[in-house]
Amino acid sequence: MSDDMKDFYANEDANEDSKSDAKVILFLIIVVVIAATFWVAGQ
């Protein structure tokens, strides 16, 4: 998998930045889903 990532990004820094961004976005999606679940349950 890490070899595949090298094909898409010019250097290792860009590769690491994209992985970090993906983790942040995944965390935000999880938080939004949990918040929406509690909001709907409270209706």
PDB file of N, CA and C in Angstrom:
ATOM      1  N   MET A   1       0.831  -1.205   0.000  1.00  0.00           N
ATOM      2  CA  MET A   1       0.000   0.000   0.000  1.00  0.00           C
ATOM      3  C   MET A   1       0.864   1.253   0.000  1.00  0.00           C
ATOM      4  N   SER A   2       1.924   1.273   0.801  1.00  0.00           N
ATOM      5  CA  SER A   2       2.759   2.470   0.865  1.00  0.00           C
ATOM      6  C   SER A   2       3.457   2.716  -0.472  1.00  0.00           C
ATOM      7  N   ASP A   3       3.755   1.654  -1.210  1.00  0.00           N
ATOM      8  CA  ASP A   3       4.355   1.828  -2.524  1.00  0.00           C
ATOM      9  C   ASP A   3       3.372   2.497  -3.486  1.00  0.00           C
ATOM     10  N   ASP A   4       2.084   2.171  -3.368  1.00  0.00           N
ATOM     11  CA  ASP A   4       1.072   2.792  -4.203  1.00  0.00           C
ATOM     12  C   ASP A   4       0.983   4.290  -3.937  1.00  0.00           C
ATOM     13  N   MET A   5       1.117   4.682  -2.681  1.00  0.00           N
ATOM     14  CA  MET A   5       1.026   6.100  -2.335  1.00  0.00           C
ATOM     15  C   MET A   5       2.158   6.899  -2.977  1.00  0.00           C
ATOM     16  N   LYS A   6       3.322   6.288  -3.138  1.00  0.00           N
ATOM     17  CA  LYS A   6       4.462   7.004  -3.725  1.00  0.00           C
ATOM     18  C   LYS A   6       4.195   7.373  -5.173  1.00  0.00           C
ATOM     19  N   ASP A   7       3.316   6.622  -5.845  1.00  0.00           N
ATOM     20  CA  ASP A   7       2.995   6.935  -7.229  1.00  0.00           C
ATOM     21  C   ASP A   7       2.180   8.220  -7.343  1.00  0.00           C
ATOM     22  N   PHE A   8       1.429   8.570  -6.305  1.00  0.00           N
ATOM     23  CA  PHE A   8       0.509   9.703  -6.381  1.00  0.00           C
ATOM     24  C   PHE A   8       1.112  11.011  -5.891  1.00  0.00           C
ATOM     25  N   TYR A   9       2.122  10.943  -5.052  1.00  0.00           N
ATOM     26  CA  TYR A   9       2.673  12.160  -4.455  1.00  0.00           C
ATOM     27  C   TYR A   9       4.137  12.307  -4.823  1.00  0.00           C
ATOM     28  N   ALA A  10       4.531  13.561  -5.068  1.00  0.00           N
ATOM     29  CA  ALA A  10       5.872  13.821  -5.572  1.00  0.00           C
ATOM     30  C   ALA A  10       6.955  13.532  -4.540  1.00  0.00           C
ATOM     31  N   ASN A  11       6.651  13.786  -3.270  1.00  0.00           N
ATOM     32  CA  ASN A  11       7.670  13.559  -2.248  1.00  0.00           C
ATOM     33  C   ASN A  11       7.038  12.981  -0.987  1.00  0.00           C
ATOM     34  N   GLU A  12       7.879  12.593  -0.051  1.00  0.00           N
ATOM     35  CA  GLU A  12       7.411  11.936   1.173  1.00  0.00           C
ATOM     36  C   GLU A  12       6.600  12.894   2.052  1.00  0.00           C
ATOM     37  N   ASP A  13       6.957  14.184   2.045  1.00  0.00           N
ATOM     38  CA  ASP A  13       6.212  15.154   2.854  1.00  0.00           C
ATOM     39  C   ASP A  13       4.757  15.254   2.403  1.00  0.00           C
ATOM     40  N   ALA A  14       4.539  15.321   1.111  1.00  0.00           N
ATOM     41  CA  ALA A  14       3.178  15.389   0.585  1.00  0.00           C
ATOM     42  C   ALA A  14       2.420  14.115   0.928  1.00  0.00           C
ATOM     43  N   ASN A  15       3.093  13.001   0.896  1.00  0.00           N
ATOM     44  CA  ASN A  15       2.485  11.717   1.234  1.00  0.00           C
ATOM     45  C   ASN A  15       2.036  11.725   2.696  1.00  0.00           C
ATOM     46  N   GLU A  16       2.905  12.159   3.593  1.00  0.00           N
ATOM     47  CA  GLU A  16       2.569  12.207   5.019  1.00  0.00           C
ATOM     48  C   GLU A  16       1.447  13.205   5.286  1.00  0.00           C
ATOM     49  N   ASP A  17       1.467  14.351   4.608  1.00  0.00           N
ATOM     50  CA  ASP A  17       0.406  15.354   4.787  1.00  0.00           C
ATOM     51  C   ASP A  17      -0.944  14.782   4.392  1.00  0.00           C
ATOM     52  N   SER A  18      -0.988  14.036   3.316  1.00  0.00           N
ATOM     53  CA  SER A  18      -2.260  13.485   2.860  1.00  0.00           C
ATOM     54  C   SER A  18      -2.780  12.441   3.837  1.00  0.00           C
ATOM     55  N   LYS A  19      -1.881  11.635   4.411  1.00  0.00           N
ATOM     56  CA  LYS A  19      -2.301  10.638   5.397  1.00  0.00           C
ATOM     57  C   LYS A  19      -2.848  11.335   6.639  1.00  0.00           C
ATOM     58  N   SER A  20      -2.184  12.401   7.056  1.00  0.00           N
ATOM     59  CA  SER A  20      -2.628  13.160   8.228  1.00  0.00           C
ATOM     60  C   SER A  20      -3.991  13.790   7.965  1.00  0.00           C
ATOM     61  N   ASP A  21      -4.158  14.372   6.785  1.00  0.00           N
ATOM     62  CA  ASP A  21      -5.429  14.980   6.426  1.00  0.00           C
ATOM     63  C   ASP A  21      -6.545  13.944   6.411  1.00  0.00           C
ATOM     64  N   ALA A  22      -6.255  12.774   5.898  1.00  0.00           N
ATOM     65  CA  ALA A  22      -7.259  11.718   5.838  1.00  0.00           C
ATOM     66  C   ALA A  22      -7.684  11.295   7.239  1.00  0.00           C
ATOM     67  N   LYS A  23      -6.740  11.230   8.175  1.00  0.00           N
ATOM     68  CA  LYS A  23      -7.074  10.854   9.551  1.00  0.00           C
ATOM     69  C   LYS A  23      -7.943  11.923  10.208  1.00  0.00           C
ATOM     70  N   VAL A  24      -7.642  13.182   9.966  1.00  0.00           N
ATOM     71  CA  VAL A  24      -8.435  14.269  10.531  1.00  0.00           C
ATOM     72  C   VAL A  24      -9.855  14.241   9.970  1.00  0.00           C
ATOM     73  N   ILE A  25      -9.984  14.049   8.675  1.00  0.00           N
ATOM     74  CA  ILE A  25     -11.308  14.001   8.046  1.00  0.00           C
ATOM     75  C   ILE A  25     -12.109  12.813   8.562  1.00  0.00           C
ATOM     76  N   LEU A  26     -11.461  11.663   8.706  1.00  0.00           N
ATOM     77  CA  LEU A  26     -12.148  10.486   9.240  1.00  0.00           C
ATOM     78  C   LEU A  26     -12.641  10.756  10.657  1.00  0.00           C
ATOM     79  N   PHE A  27     -11.807  11.384  11.486  1.00  0.00           N
ATOM     80  CA  PHE A  27     -12.196  11.720  12.856  1.00  0.00           C
ATOM     81  C   PHE A  27     -13.394  12.660  12.856  1.00  0.00           C
ATOM     82  N   LEU A  28     -13.376  13.674  11.993  1.00  0.00           N
ATOM     83  CA  LEU A  28     -14.481  14.626  11.935  1.00  0.00           C
ATOM     84  C   LEU A  28     -15.773  13.948  11.493  1.00  0.00           C
ATOM     85  N   ILE A  29     -15.682  13.053  10.534  1.00  0.00           N
ATOM     86  CA  ILE A  29     -16.875  12.335  10.075  1.00  0.00           C
ATOM     87  C   ILE A  29     -17.460  11.510  11.212  1.00  0.00           C
ATOM     88  N   ILE A  30     -16.607  10.828  11.975  1.00  0.00           N
ATOM     89  CA  ILE A  30     -17.081  10.019  13.097  1.00  0.00           C
ATOM     90  C   ILE A  30     -17.768  10.897  14.131  1.00  0.00           C
ATOM     91  N   VAL A  31     -17.174  12.047  14.449  1.00  0.00           N
ATOM     92  CA  VAL A  31     -17.766  12.960  15.426  1.00  0.00           C
ATOM     93  C   VAL A  31     -19.128  13.455  14.937  1.00  0.00           C
ATOM     94  N   VAL A  32     -19.229  13.808  13.665  1.00  0.00           N
ATOM     95  CA  VAL A  32     -20.497  14.302  13.118  1.00  0.00           C
ATOM     96  C   VAL A  32     -21.564  13.209  13.162  1.00  0.00           C
ATOM     97  N   VAL A  33     -21.201  11.986  12.835  1.00  0.00           N
ATOM     98  CA  VAL A  33     -22.171  10.893  12.870  1.00  0.00           C
ATOM     99  C   VAL A  33     -22.664  10.656  14.298  1.00  0.00           C
ATOM    100  N   ILE A  34     -21.758  10.675  15.267  1.00  0.00           N
ATOM    101  CA  ILE A  34     -22.155  10.492  16.675  1.00  0.00           C
ATOM    102  C   ILE A  34     -23.061  11.637  17.114  1.00  0.00           C
ATOM    103  N   ALA A  35     -22.693  12.865  16.777  1.00  0.00           N
ATOM    104  CA  ALA A  35     -23.506  14.019  17.158  1.00  0.00           C
ATOM    105  C   ALA A  35     -24.896  13.941  16.514  1.00  0.00           C
ATOM    106  N   ALA A  36     -24.954  13.565  15.253  1.00  0.00           N
ATOM    107  CA  ALA A  36     -26.241  13.454  14.570  1.00  0.00           C
ATOM    108  C   ALA A  36     -27.093  12.360  15.198  1.00  0.00           C
ATOM    109  N   THR A  37     -26.465  11.273  15.604  1.00  0.00           N
ATOM    110  CA  THR A  37     -27.206  10.187  16.248  1.00  0.00           C
ATOM    111  C   THR A  37     -27.842  10.648  17.553  1.00  0.00           C
ATOM    112  N   PHE A  38     -27.081  11.376  18.368  1.00  0.00           N
ATOM    113  CA  PHE A  38     -27.632  11.894  19.620  1.00  0.00           C
ATOM    114  C   PHE A  38     -28.720  12.927  19.362  1.00  0.00           C
ATOM    115  N   TRP A  39     -28.549  13.757  18.355  1.00  0.00           N
ATOM    116  CA  TRP A  39     -29.534  14.784  18.040  1.00  0.00           C
ATOM    117  C   TRP A  39     -30.867  14.140  17.603  1.00  0.00           C
ATOM    118  N   VAL A  40     -30.765  13.130  16.743  1.00  0.00           N
ATOM    119  CA  VAL A  40     -31.966  12.450  16.264  1.00  0.00           C
ATOM    120  C   VAL A  40     -32.622  11.687  17.419  1.00  0.00           C
ATOM    121  N   ALA A  41     -31.830  11.089  18.268  1.00  0.00           N
ATOM    122  CA  ALA A  41     -32.381  10.330  19.394  1.00  0.00           C
ATOM    123  C   ALA A  41     -33.115  11.254  20.384  1.00  0.00           C
ATOM    124  N   GLY A  42     -32.712  12.506  20.429  1.00  0.00           N
ATOM    125  CA  GLY A  42     -33.338  13.466  21.346  1.00  0.00           C
ATOM    126  C   GLY A  42     -34.589  14.098  20.787  1.00  0.00           C
ATOM    127  N   GLN A  43     -34.898  13.856  19.543  1.00  0.00           N
ATOM    128  CA  GLN A  43     -36.082  14.482  18.929  1.00  0.00           C
ATOM    129  C   GLN A  43     -37.364  13.822  19.386  1.00  0.00           C
TER     130      GLN A  43
END
